[in-house]
Structure formats: structure tokens, C-alpha cells
PDB file of all heavy atoms in Angstrom:
ATOM      1  N   TRP A   1      -2.169 -19.385   2.092  1.00  0.00           N
ATOM      2  CA  TRP A   1      -3.610 -19.219   1.840  1.00  0.00           C
ATOM      3  C   TRP A   1      -4.237 -20.561   1.505  1.00  0.00           C
ATOM      4  O   TRP A   1      -3.609 -21.412   0.851  1.00  0.00           O
ATOM      5  CB  TRP A   1      -3.824 -18.260   0.663  1.00  0.00           C
ATOM      6  CG  TRP A   1      -5.279 -17.922   0.436  1.00  0.00           C
ATOM      7  CD1 TRP A   1      -5.965 -16.886   0.977  1.00  0.00           C
ATOM      8  CD2 TRP A   1      -6.207 -18.637  -0.385  1.00  0.00           C
ATOM      9  NE1 TRP A   1      -7.274 -16.913   0.561  1.00  0.00           N
ATOM     10  CE2 TRP A   1      -7.453 -17.980  -0.285  1.00  0.00           C
ATOM     11  CE3 TRP A   1      -6.111 -19.776  -1.184  1.00  0.00           C
ATOM     12  CZ2 TRP A   1      -8.595 -18.407  -0.956  1.00  0.00           C
ATOM     13  CZ3 TRP A   1      -7.243 -20.226  -1.854  1.00  0.00           C
ATOM     14  CH2 TRP A   1      -8.458 -19.544  -1.746  1.00  0.00           C
ATOM     15  N   ASP A   2      -5.479 -20.741   1.966  1.00  0.00           N
ATOM     16  CA  ASP A   2      -6.313 -21.849   1.502  1.00  0.00           C
ATOM     17  C   ASP A   2      -7.755 -21.356   1.466  1.00  0.00           C
ATOM     18  O   ASP A   2      -8.040 -20.201   1.804  1.00  0.00           O
ATOM     19  CB  ASP A   2      -6.144 -23.097   2.384  1.00  0.00           C
ATOM     20  CG  ASP A   2      -6.495 -22.837   3.838  1.00  0.00           C
ATOM     21  OD1 ASP A   2      -7.499 -22.130   4.097  1.00  0.00           O
ATOM     22  OD2 ASP A   2      -5.774 -23.343   4.720  1.00  0.00           O
ATOM     23  N   SER A   3      -8.650 -22.210   1.038  1.00  0.00           N
ATOM     24  CA  SER A   3     -10.044 -21.782   0.817  1.00  0.00           C
ATOM     25  C   SER A   3     -10.756 -21.363   2.092  1.00  0.00           C
ATOM     26  O   SER A   3     -11.827 -20.749   2.034  1.00  0.00           O
ATOM     27  CB  SER A   3     -10.825 -22.912   0.138  1.00  0.00           C
ATOM     28  OG  SER A   3     -10.782 -24.089   0.935  1.00  0.00           O
ATOM     29  N   THR A   4     -10.173 -21.660   3.251  1.00  0.00           N
ATOM     30  CA  THR A   4     -10.796 -21.241   4.515  1.00  0.00           C
ATOM     31  C   THR A   4     -10.183 -19.957   5.069  1.00  0.00           C
ATOM     32  O   THR A   4     -10.617 -19.470   6.115  1.00  0.00           O
ATOM     33  CB  THR A   4     -10.647 -22.362   5.558  1.00  0.00           C
ATOM     34  OG1 THR A   4      -9.256 -22.583   5.826  1.00  0.00           O
ATOM     35  CG2 THR A   4     -11.271 -23.657   5.057  1.00  0.00           C
ATOM     36  N   SER A   5      -9.158 -19.407   4.408  1.00  0.00           N
ATOM     37  CA  SER A   5      -8.487 -18.202   4.906  1.00  0.00           C
ATOM     38  C   SER A   5      -9.398 -16.997   4.814  1.00  0.00           C
ATOM     39  O   SER A   5     -10.138 -16.830   3.842  1.00  0.00           O
ATOM     40  CB  SER A   5      -7.204 -17.940   4.117  1.00  0.00           C
ATOM     41  OG  SER A   5      -6.306 -19.023   4.247  1.00  0.00           O
ATOM     42  N   ALA A   6      -9.323 -16.136   5.859  1.00  0.00           N
ATOM     43  CA  ALA A   6     -10.166 -14.951   5.892  1.00  0.00           C
ATOM     44  C   ALA A   6      -9.544 -13.778   5.153  1.00  0.00           C
ATOM     45  O   ALA A   6     -10.245 -12.844   4.765  1.00  0.00           O
ATOM     46  CB  ALA A   6     -10.442 -14.563   7.342  1.00  0.00           C
ATOM     47  N   VAL A   7      -8.240 -13.807   4.966  1.00  0.00           N
ATOM     48  CA  VAL A   7      -7.527 -12.681   4.361  1.00  0.00           C
ATOM     49  C   VAL A   7      -6.589 -13.195   3.271  1.00  0.00           C
ATOM     50  O   VAL A   7      -5.941 -14.232   3.444  1.00  0.00           O
ATOM     51  CB  VAL A   7      -6.725 -11.892   5.421  1.00  0.00           C
ATOM     52  CG1 VAL A   7      -5.910 -10.776   4.767  1.00  0.00           C
ATOM     53  CG2 VAL A   7      -7.642 -11.307   6.482  1.00  0.00           C
ATOM     54  N   ILE A   8      -6.508 -12.452   2.162  1.00  0.00           N
ATOM     55  CA  ILE A   8      -5.546 -12.758   1.101  1.00  0.00           C
ATOM     56  C   ILE A   8      -4.257 -11.997   1.395  1.00  0.00           C
ATOM     57  O   ILE A   8      -4.252 -10.755   1.399  1.00  0.00           O
ATOM     58  CB  ILE A   8      -6.072 -12.340  -0.274  1.00  0.00           C
ATOM     59  CG1 ILE A   8      -7.427 -12.989  -0.577  1.00  0.00           C
ATOM     60  CG2 ILE A   8      -5.069 -12.686  -1.365  1.00  0.00           C
ATOM     61  CD1 ILE A   8      -8.096 -12.405  -1.806  1.00  0.00           C
ATOM     62  N   PRO A   9      -3.153 -12.677   1.654  1.00  0.00           N
ATOM     63  CA  PRO A   9      -1.885 -11.953   1.853  1.00  0.00           C
ATOM     64  C   PRO A   9      -1.358 -11.461   0.507  1.00  0.00           C
ATOM     65  O   PRO A   9      -1.459 -12.145  -0.513  1.00  0.00           O
ATOM     66  CB  PRO A   9      -0.970 -13.016   2.464  1.00  0.00           C
ATOM     67  CG  PRO A   9      -1.514 -14.314   1.981  1.00  0.00           C
ATOM     68  CD  PRO A   9      -2.995 -14.144   1.818  1.00  0.00           C
ATOM     69  N   MET A  10      -0.793 -10.275   0.510  1.00  0.00           N
ATOM     70  CA  MET A  10      -0.261  -9.681  -0.716  1.00  0.00           C
ATOM     71  C   MET A  10       1.119  -9.098  -0.455  1.00  0.00           C
ATOM     72  O   MET A  10       1.404  -8.634   0.653  1.00  0.00           O
ATOM     73  CB  MET A  10      -1.204  -8.581  -1.234  1.00  0.00           C
ATOM     74  CG  MET A  10      -2.596  -9.065  -1.604  1.00  0.00           C
ATOM     75  SD  MET A  10      -3.676  -7.725  -2.209  1.00  0.00           S
ATOM     76  CE  MET A  10      -3.956  -6.799  -0.697  1.00  0.00           C
ATOM     77  N   ILE A  11       1.970  -9.124  -1.463  1.00  0.00           N
ATOM     78  CA  ILE A  11       3.287  -8.472  -1.416  1.00  0.00           C
ATOM     79  C   ILE A  11       3.297  -7.396  -2.487  1.00  0.00           C
ATOM     80  O   ILE A  11       3.026  -7.670  -3.664  1.00  0.00           O
ATOM     81  CB  ILE A  11       4.426  -9.475  -1.659  1.00  0.00           C
ATOM     82  CG1 ILE A  11       4.492 -10.484  -0.514  1.00  0.00           C
ATOM     83  CG2 ILE A  11       5.768  -8.749  -1.795  1.00  0.00           C
ATOM     84  CD1 ILE A  11       5.534 -11.575  -0.720  1.00  0.00           C
ATOM     85  N   ALA A  12       3.603  -6.171  -2.077  1.00  0.00           N
ATOM     86  CA  ALA A  12       3.602  -5.040  -3.008  1.00  0.00           C
ATOM     87  C   ALA A  12       5.035  -4.590  -3.281  1.00  0.00           C
ATOM     88  O   ALA A  12       5.904  -4.688  -2.402  1.00  0.00           O
ATOM     89  CB  ALA A  12       2.802  -3.876  -2.436  1.00  0.00           C
ATOM     90  N   PRO A  13       5.300  -4.102  -4.477  1.00  0.00           N
ATOM     91  CA  PRO A  13       6.634  -3.554  -4.747  1.00  0.00           C
ATOM     92  C   PRO A  13       6.834  -2.233  -4.017  1.00  0.00           C
ATOM     93  O   PRO A  13       5.894  -1.450  -3.846  1.00  0.00           O
ATOM     94  CB  PRO A  13       6.658  -3.362  -6.262  1.00  0.00           C
ATOM     95  CG  PRO A  13       5.260  -3.470  -6.723  1.00  0.00           C
ATOM     96  CD  PRO A  13       4.437  -4.096  -5.648  1.00  0.00           C
ATOM     97  N   ASN A  14       8.056  -1.981  -3.573  1.00  0.00           N
ATOM     98  CA  ASN A  14       8.356  -0.731  -2.879  1.00  0.00           C
ATOM     99  C   ASN A  14       8.043   0.486  -3.740  1.00  0.00           C
ATOM    100  O   ASN A  14       7.673   1.541  -3.222  1.00  0.00           O
ATOM    101  CB  ASN A  14       9.826  -0.707  -2.451  1.00  0.00           C
ATOM    102  CG  ASN A  14      10.041  -1.371  -1.111  1.00  0.00           C
ATOM    103  OD1 ASN A  14       9.354  -1.077  -0.142  1.00  0.00           O
ATOM    104  ND2 ASN A  14      10.981  -2.297  -1.058  1.00  0.00           N
ATOM    105  N   MET A  15       8.198   0.333  -5.057  1.00  0.00           N
ATOM    106  CA  MET A  15       7.950   1.464  -5.943  1.00  0.00           C
ATOM    107  C   MET A  15       6.488   1.906  -5.902  1.00  0.00           C
ATOM    108  O   MET A  15       6.192   3.083  -6.102  1.00  0.00           O
ATOM    109  CB  MET A  15       8.368   1.116  -7.372  1.00  0.00           C
ATOM    110  CG  MET A  15       7.594  -0.026  -7.996  1.00  0.00           C
ATOM    111  SD  MET A  15       8.107  -0.385  -9.701  1.00  0.00           S
ATOM    112  CE  MET A  15       7.580   1.098 -10.515  1.00  0.00           C
ATOM    113  N   PHE A  16       5.555   0.980  -5.608  1.00  0.00           N
ATOM    114  CA  PHE A  16       4.149   1.351  -5.469  1.00  0.00           C
ATOM    115  C   PHE A  16       3.973   2.333  -4.316  1.00  0.00           C
ATOM    116  O   PHE A  16       3.277   3.342  -4.436  1.00  0.00           O
ATOM    117  CB  PHE A  16       3.290   0.100  -5.222  1.00  0.00           C
ATOM    118  CG  PHE A  16       2.895  -0.627  -6.469  1.00  0.00           C
ATOM    119  CD1 PHE A  16       3.632  -0.499  -7.642  1.00  0.00           C
ATOM    120  CD2 PHE A  16       1.789  -1.455  -6.486  1.00  0.00           C
ATOM    121  CE1 PHE A  16       3.287  -1.183  -8.799  1.00  0.00           C
ATOM    122  CE2 PHE A  16       1.419  -2.141  -7.645  1.00  0.00           C
ATOM    123  CZ  PHE A  16       2.168  -1.998  -8.794  1.00  0.00           C
ATOM    124  N   LEU A  17       4.597   1.997  -3.184  1.00  0.00           N
ATOM    125  CA  LEU A  17       4.465   2.865  -2.006  1.00  0.00           C
ATOM    126  C   LEU A  17       5.158   4.200  -2.237  1.00  0.00           C
ATOM    127  O   LEU A  17       4.653   5.254  -1.819  1.00  0.00           O
ATOM    128  CB  LEU A  17       5.053   2.161  -0.777  1.00  0.00           C
ATOM    129  CG  LEU A  17       4.816   2.856   0.571  1.00  0.00           C
ATOM    130  CD1 LEU A  17       3.327   3.015   0.851  1.00  0.00           C
ATOM    131  CD2 LEU A  17       5.489   2.083   1.703  1.00  0.00           C
ATOM    132  N   ASP A  18       6.305   4.179  -2.915  1.00  0.00           N
ATOM    133  CA  ASP A  18       6.985   5.441  -3.228  1.00  0.00           C
ATOM    134  C   ASP A  18       6.123   6.311  -4.142  1.00  0.00           C
ATOM    135  O   ASP A  18       6.030   7.528  -3.955  1.00  0.00           O
ATOM    136  CB  ASP A  18       8.332   5.148  -3.911  1.00  0.00           C
ATOM    137  CG  ASP A  18       9.334   4.533  -2.956  1.00  0.00           C
ATOM    138  OD1 ASP A  18       9.148   4.663  -1.740  1.00  0.00           O
ATOM    139  OD2 ASP A  18      10.296   3.904  -3.440  1.00  0.00           O
ATOM    140  N   PHE A  19       5.503   5.684  -5.129  1.00  0.00           N
ATOM    141  CA  PHE A  19       4.624   6.439  -6.029  1.00  0.00           C
ATOM    142  C   PHE A  19       3.470   7.064  -5.266  1.00  0.00           C
ATOM    143  O   PHE A  19       3.128   8.237  -5.478  1.00  0.00           O
ATOM    144  CB  PHE A  19       4.094   5.509  -7.127  1.00  0.00           C
ATOM    145  CG  PHE A  19       3.005   6.121  -7.968  1.00  0.00           C
ATOM    146  CD1 PHE A  19       3.305   7.059  -8.936  1.00  0.00           C
ATOM    147  CD2 PHE A  19       1.681   5.768  -7.755  1.00  0.00           C
ATOM    148  CE1 PHE A  19       2.295   7.639  -9.699  1.00  0.00           C
ATOM    149  CE2 PHE A  19       0.659   6.338  -8.508  1.00  0.00           C
ATOM    150  CZ  PHE A  19       0.975   7.282  -9.488  1.00  0.00           C
ATOM    151  N   TYR A  20       2.893   6.291  -4.345  1.00  0.00           N
ATOM    152  CA  TYR A  20       1.768   6.833  -3.577  1.00  0.00           C
ATOM    153  C   TYR A  20       2.226   7.985  -2.686  1.00  0.00           C
ATOM    154  O   TYR A  20       1.598   9.063  -2.663  1.00  0.00           O
ATOM    155  CB  TYR A  20       1.134   5.732  -2.704  1.00  0.00           C
ATOM    156  CG  TYR A  20       0.147   6.291  -1.709  1.00  0.00           C
ATOM    157  CD1 TYR A  20      -1.153   6.599  -2.084  1.00  0.00           C
ATOM    158  CD2 TYR A  20       0.537   6.565  -0.394  1.00  0.00           C
ATOM    159  CE1 TYR A  20      -2.048   7.159  -1.186  1.00  0.00           C
ATOM    160  CE2 TYR A  20      -0.337   7.117   0.511  1.00  0.00           C
ATOM    161  CZ  TYR A  20      -1.636   7.416   0.112  1.00  0.00           C
ATOM    162  OH  TYR A  20      -2.503   7.987   1.004  1.00  0.00           O
ATOM    163  N   ASN A  21       3.314   7.795  -1.926  1.00  0.00           N
ATOM    164  CA  ASN A  21       3.727   8.795  -0.936  1.00  0.00           C
ATOM    165  C   ASN A  21       4.218  10.093  -1.557  1.00  0.00           C
ATOM    166  O   ASN A  21       3.967  11.174  -1.018  1.00  0.00           O
ATOM    167  CB  ASN A  21       4.826   8.208  -0.042  1.00  0.00           C
ATOM    168  CG  ASN A  21       4.271   7.309   1.043  1.00  0.00           C
ATOM    169  OD1 ASN A  21       3.182   7.541   1.548  1.00  0.00           O
ATOM    170  ND2 ASN A  21       5.015   6.267   1.392  1.00  0.00           N
ATOM    171  N   PHE A  22       4.921  10.005  -2.675  1.00  0.00           N
ATOM    172  CA  PHE A  22       5.584  11.190  -3.207  1.00  0.00           C
ATOM    173  C   PHE A  22       4.932  11.761  -4.465  1.00  0.00           C
ATOM    174  O   PHE A  22       5.382  12.785  -4.969  1.00  0.00           O
ATOM    175  CB  PHE A  22       7.059  10.863  -3.479  1.00  0.00           C
ATOM    176  CG  PHE A  22       7.782  10.384  -2.253  1.00  0.00           C
ATOM    177  CD1 PHE A  22       8.173   9.058  -2.127  1.00  0.00           C
ATOM    178  CD2 PHE A  22       8.036  11.245  -1.199  1.00  0.00           C
ATOM    179  CE1 PHE A  22       8.822   8.606  -1.000  1.00  0.00           C
ATOM    180  CE2 PHE A  22       8.680  10.801  -0.056  1.00  0.00           C
ATOM    181  CZ  PHE A  22       9.075   9.476   0.048  1.00  0.00           C
ATOM    182  N   GLN A  23       3.873  11.110  -4.955  1.00  0.00           N
ATOM    183  CA  GLN A  23       3.155  11.657  -6.103  1.00  0.00           C
ATOM    184  C   GLN A  23       1.645  11.662  -5.872  1.00  0.00           C
ATOM    185  O   GLN A  23       1.027  12.719  -5.787  1.00  0.00           O
ATOM    186  CB  GLN A  23       3.480  10.845  -7.369  1.00  0.00           C
ATOM    187  CG  GLN A  23       4.930  10.957  -7.802  1.00  0.00           C
ATOM    188  CD  GLN A  23       5.201  10.210  -9.101  1.00  0.00           C
ATOM    189  OE1 GLN A  23       4.425  10.246 -10.035  1.00  0.00           O
ATOM    190  NE2 GLN A  23       6.321   9.520  -9.167  1.00  0.00           N
ATOM    191  N   PHE A  24       1.078  10.475  -5.723  1.00  0.00           N
ATOM    192  CA  PHE A  24      -0.369  10.371  -5.655  1.00  0.00           C
ATOM    193  C   PHE A  24      -0.938  11.067  -4.419  1.00  0.00           C
ATOM    194  O   PHE A  24      -1.912  11.829  -4.506  1.00  0.00           O
ATOM    195  CB  PHE A  24      -0.778   8.893  -5.673  1.00  0.00           C
ATOM    196  CG  PHE A  24      -2.263   8.683  -5.780  1.00  0.00           C
ATOM    197  CD1 PHE A  24      -2.909   8.801  -7.003  1.00  0.00           C
ATOM    198  CD2 PHE A  24      -3.012   8.363  -4.661  1.00  0.00           C
ATOM    199  CE1 PHE A  24      -4.274   8.609  -7.110  1.00  0.00           C
ATOM    200  CE2 PHE A  24      -4.368   8.169  -4.759  1.00  0.00           C
ATOM    201  CZ  PHE A  24      -5.013   8.291  -5.975  1.00  0.00           C
ATOM    202  N   SER A  25      -0.387  10.810  -3.240  1.00  0.00           N
ATOM    203  CA  SER A  25      -0.939  11.396  -2.004  1.00  0.00           C
ATOM    204  C   SER A  25      -0.870  12.910  -2.028  1.00  0.00           C
ATOM    205  O   SER A  25      -1.781  13.588  -1.522  1.00  0.00           O
ATOM    206  CB  SER A  25      -0.189  10.846  -0.785  1.00  0.00           C
ATOM    207  OG  SER A  25       1.163  11.271  -0.799  1.00  0.00           O
ATOM    208  N   LEU A  26       0.198  13.465  -2.606  1.00  0.00           N
ATOM    209  CA  LEU A  26       0.337  14.925  -2.646  1.00  0.00           C
ATOM    210  C   LEU A  26      -0.705  15.547  -3.573  1.00  0.00           C
ATOM    211  O   LEU A  26      -1.264  16.615  -3.283  1.00  0.00           O
ATOM    212  CB  LEU A  26       1.745  15.293  -3.105  1.00  0.00           C
ATOM    213  CG  LEU A  26       2.893  14.802  -2.199  1.00  0.00           C
ATOM    214  CD1 LEU A  26       4.234  15.194  -2.801  1.00  0.00           C
ATOM    215  CD2 LEU A  26       2.757  15.380  -0.793  1.00  0.00           C
ATOM    216  N   SER A  27      -0.989  14.886  -4.697  1.00  0.00           N
ATOM    217  CA  SER A  27      -1.952  15.446  -5.648  1.00  0.00           C
ATOM    218  C   SER A  27      -3.393  15.257  -5.184  1.00  0.00           C
ATOM    219  O   SER A  27      -4.280  16.029  -5.562  1.00  0.00           O
ATOM    220  CB  SER A  27      -1.773  14.803  -7.022  1.00  0.00           C
ATOM    221  OG  SER A  27      -2.079  13.420  -6.965  1.00  0.00           O
ATOM    222  N   GLN A  28      -3.659  14.229  -4.363  1.00  0.00           N
ATOM    223  CA  GLN A  28      -5.021  13.941  -3.913  1.00  0.00           C
ATOM    224  C   GLN A  28      -5.277  14.379  -2.474  1.00  0.00           C
ATOM    225  O   GLN A  28      -6.346  14.106  -1.919  1.00  0.00           O
ATOM    226  CB  GLN A  28      -5.293  12.436  -4.029  1.00  0.00           C
ATOM    227  CG  GLN A  28      -5.092  11.869  -5.418  1.00  0.00           C
ATOM    228  CD  GLN A  28      -6.046  12.468  -6.423  1.00  0.00           C
ATOM    229  OE1 GLN A  28      -7.233  12.650  -6.138  1.00  0.00           O
ATOM    230  NE2 GLN A  28      -5.548  12.792  -7.617  1.00  0.00           N
ATOM    231  N   ASN A  29      -4.298  15.035  -1.873  1.00  0.00           N
ATOM    232  CA  ASN A  29      -4.422  15.513  -0.488  1.00  0.00           C
ATOM    233  C   ASN A  29      -4.713  14.357   0.475  1.00  0.00           C
ATOM    234  O   ASN A  29      -5.569  14.440   1.359  1.00  0.00           O
ATOM    235  CB  ASN A  29      -5.524  16.575  -0.377  1.00  0.00           C
ATOM    236  CG  ASN A  29      -5.413  17.373   0.927  1.00  0.00           C
ATOM    237  OD1 ASN A  29      -4.323  17.527   1.492  1.00  0.00           O
ATOM    238  ND2 ASN A  29      -6.540  17.867   1.420  1.00  0.00           N
ATOM    239  N   LEU A  30      -3.969  13.279   0.305  1.00  0.00           N
ATOM    240  CA  LEU A  30      -4.100  12.103   1.154  1.00  0.00           C
ATOM    241  C   LEU A  30      -2.885  11.993   2.064  1.00  0.00           C
ATOM    242  O   LEU A  30      -1.810  12.513   1.747  1.00  0.00           O
ATOM    243  CB  LEU A  30      -4.225  10.838   0.294  1.00  0.00           C
ATOM    244  CG  LEU A  30      -5.486  10.731  -0.562  1.00  0.00           C
ATOM    245  CD1 LEU A  30      -5.395   9.514  -1.484  1.00  0.00           C
ATOM    246  CD2 LEU A  30      -6.718  10.627   0.319  1.00  0.00           C
ATOM    247  N   PRO A  31      -3.024  11.312   3.208  1.00  0.00           N
ATOM    248  CA  PRO A  31      -1.880  11.190   4.129  1.00  0.00           C
ATOM    249  C   PRO A  31      -0.815  10.259   3.569  1.00  0.00           C
ATOM    250  O   PRO A  31      -1.112   9.301   2.845  1.00  0.00           O
ATOM    251  CB  PRO A  31      -2.509  10.607   5.396  1.00  0.00           C
ATOM    252  CG  PRO A  31      -3.700   9.855   4.905  1.00  0.00           C
ATOM    253  CD  PRO A  31      -4.231  10.653   3.744  1.00  0.00           C
ATOM    254  N   GLN A  32       0.430  10.563   3.900  1.00  0.00           N
ATOM    255  CA  GLN A  32       1.516   9.659   3.538  1.00  0.00           C
ATOM    256  C   GLN A  32       1.532   8.472   4.498  1.00  0.00           C
ATOM    257  O   GLN A  32       1.132   8.589   5.660  1.00  0.00           O
ATOM    258  CB  GLN A  32       2.855  10.388   3.566  1.00  0.00           C
ATOM    259  CG  GLN A  32       3.006  11.442   2.479  1.00  0.00           C
ATOM    260  CD  GLN A  32       4.368  12.108   2.500  1.00  0.00           C
ATOM    261  OE1 GLN A  32       4.876  12.459   3.551  1.00  0.00           O
ATOM    262  NE2 GLN A  32       4.954  12.284   1.326  1.00  0.00           N
ATOM    263  N   LEU A  33       1.991   7.321   4.008  1.00  0.00           N
ATOM    264  CA  LEU A  33       1.917   6.084   4.774  1.00  0.00           C
ATOM    265  C   LEU A  33       3.279   5.394   4.820  1.00  0.00           C
ATOM    266  O   LEU A  33       3.987   5.341   3.814  1.00  0.00           O
ATOM    267  CB  LEU A  33       0.901   5.119   4.141  1.00  0.00           C
ATOM    268  CG  LEU A  33      -0.528   5.646   3.969  1.00  0.00           C
ATOM    269  CD1 LEU A  33      -1.351   4.649   3.166  1.00  0.00           C
ATOM    270  CD2 LEU A  33      -1.167   5.903   5.326  1.00  0.00           C
ATOM    271  N   THR A  34       3.623   4.875   5.989  1.00  0.00           N
ATOM    272  CA  THR A  34       4.840   4.069   6.115  1.00  0.00           C
ATOM    273  C   THR A  34       4.495   2.605   5.839  1.00  0.00           C
ATOM    274  O   THR A  34       3.322   2.225   5.789  1.00  0.00           O
ATOM    275  CB  THR A  34       5.433   4.188   7.527  1.00  0.00           C
ATOM    276  OG1 THR A  34       4.509   3.627   8.473  1.00  0.00           O
ATOM    277  CG2 THR A  34       5.697   5.651   7.883  1.00  0.00           C
ATOM    278  N   GLN A  35       5.519   1.787   5.697  1.00  0.00           N
ATOM    279  CA  GLN A  35       5.283   0.362   5.470  1.00  0.00           C
ATOM    280  C   GLN A  35       4.508  -0.270   6.623  1.00  0.00           C
ATOM    281  O   GLN A  35       3.592  -1.083   6.404  1.00  0.00           O
ATOM    282  CB  GLN A  35       6.615  -0.362   5.263  1.00  0.00           C
ATOM    283  CG  GLN A  35       7.298  -0.058   3.951  1.00  0.00           C
ATOM    284  CD  GLN A  35       8.486  -0.977   3.695  1.00  0.00           C
ATOM    285  OE1 GLN A  35       8.744  -1.916   4.461  1.00  0.00           O
ATOM    286  NE2 GLN A  35       9.218  -0.725   2.620  1.00  0.00           N
ATOM    287  N   ASP A  36       4.859   0.102   7.862  1.00  0.00           N
ATOM    288  CA  ASP A  36       4.180  -0.489   9.018  1.00  0.00           C
ATOM    289  C   ASP A  36       2.698  -0.136   9.037  1.00  0.00           C
ATOM    290  O   ASP A  36       1.851  -0.965   9.389  1.00  0.00           O
ATOM    291  CB  ASP A  36       4.851  -0.020  10.313  1.00  0.00           C
ATOM    292  CG  ASP A  36       6.247  -0.600  10.478  1.00  0.00           C
ATOM    293  OD1 ASP A  36       6.496  -1.681   9.906  1.00  0.00           O
ATOM    294  OD2 ASP A  36       7.087   0.032  11.154  1.00  0.00           O
ATOM    295  N   ILE A  37       2.375   1.106   8.654  1.00  0.00           N
ATOM    296  CA  ILE A  37       0.960   1.509   8.630  1.00  0.00           C
ATOM    297  C   ILE A  37       0.207   0.741   7.554  1.00  0.00           C
ATOM    298  O   ILE A  37      -0.902   0.242   7.776  1.00  0.00           O
ATOM    299  CB  ILE A  37       0.837   3.027   8.405  1.00  0.00           C
ATOM    300  CG1 ILE A  37       1.385   3.784   9.616  1.00  0.00           C
ATOM    301  CG2 ILE A  37      -0.608   3.429   8.139  1.00  0.00           C
ATOM    302  CD1 ILE A  37       1.402   5.296   9.438  1.00  0.00           C
TER     303      ILE A  37
END
């Protein structure tokens, strides 16, 4: 990244995605997501 970059790259922990797919998405009626998506 530098001051001219259009996008901020981010790295997320796998546990965040697991929490979303198996807890949050089910309670909020949201679609489950793979890493590629």
C-alpha cells in the first residue's frame, strides 16, 4: 500500500469467517461465504 493505492489490502483471521458462516449468517439469514467469494 501507498498513498496512491485505491484499495486497502486486509488479512482476516480464519476464525472470523468461521464465526460468520456458522453463527452470524444463520442468525441473520445471510448467505454463507467461502474464502474465494
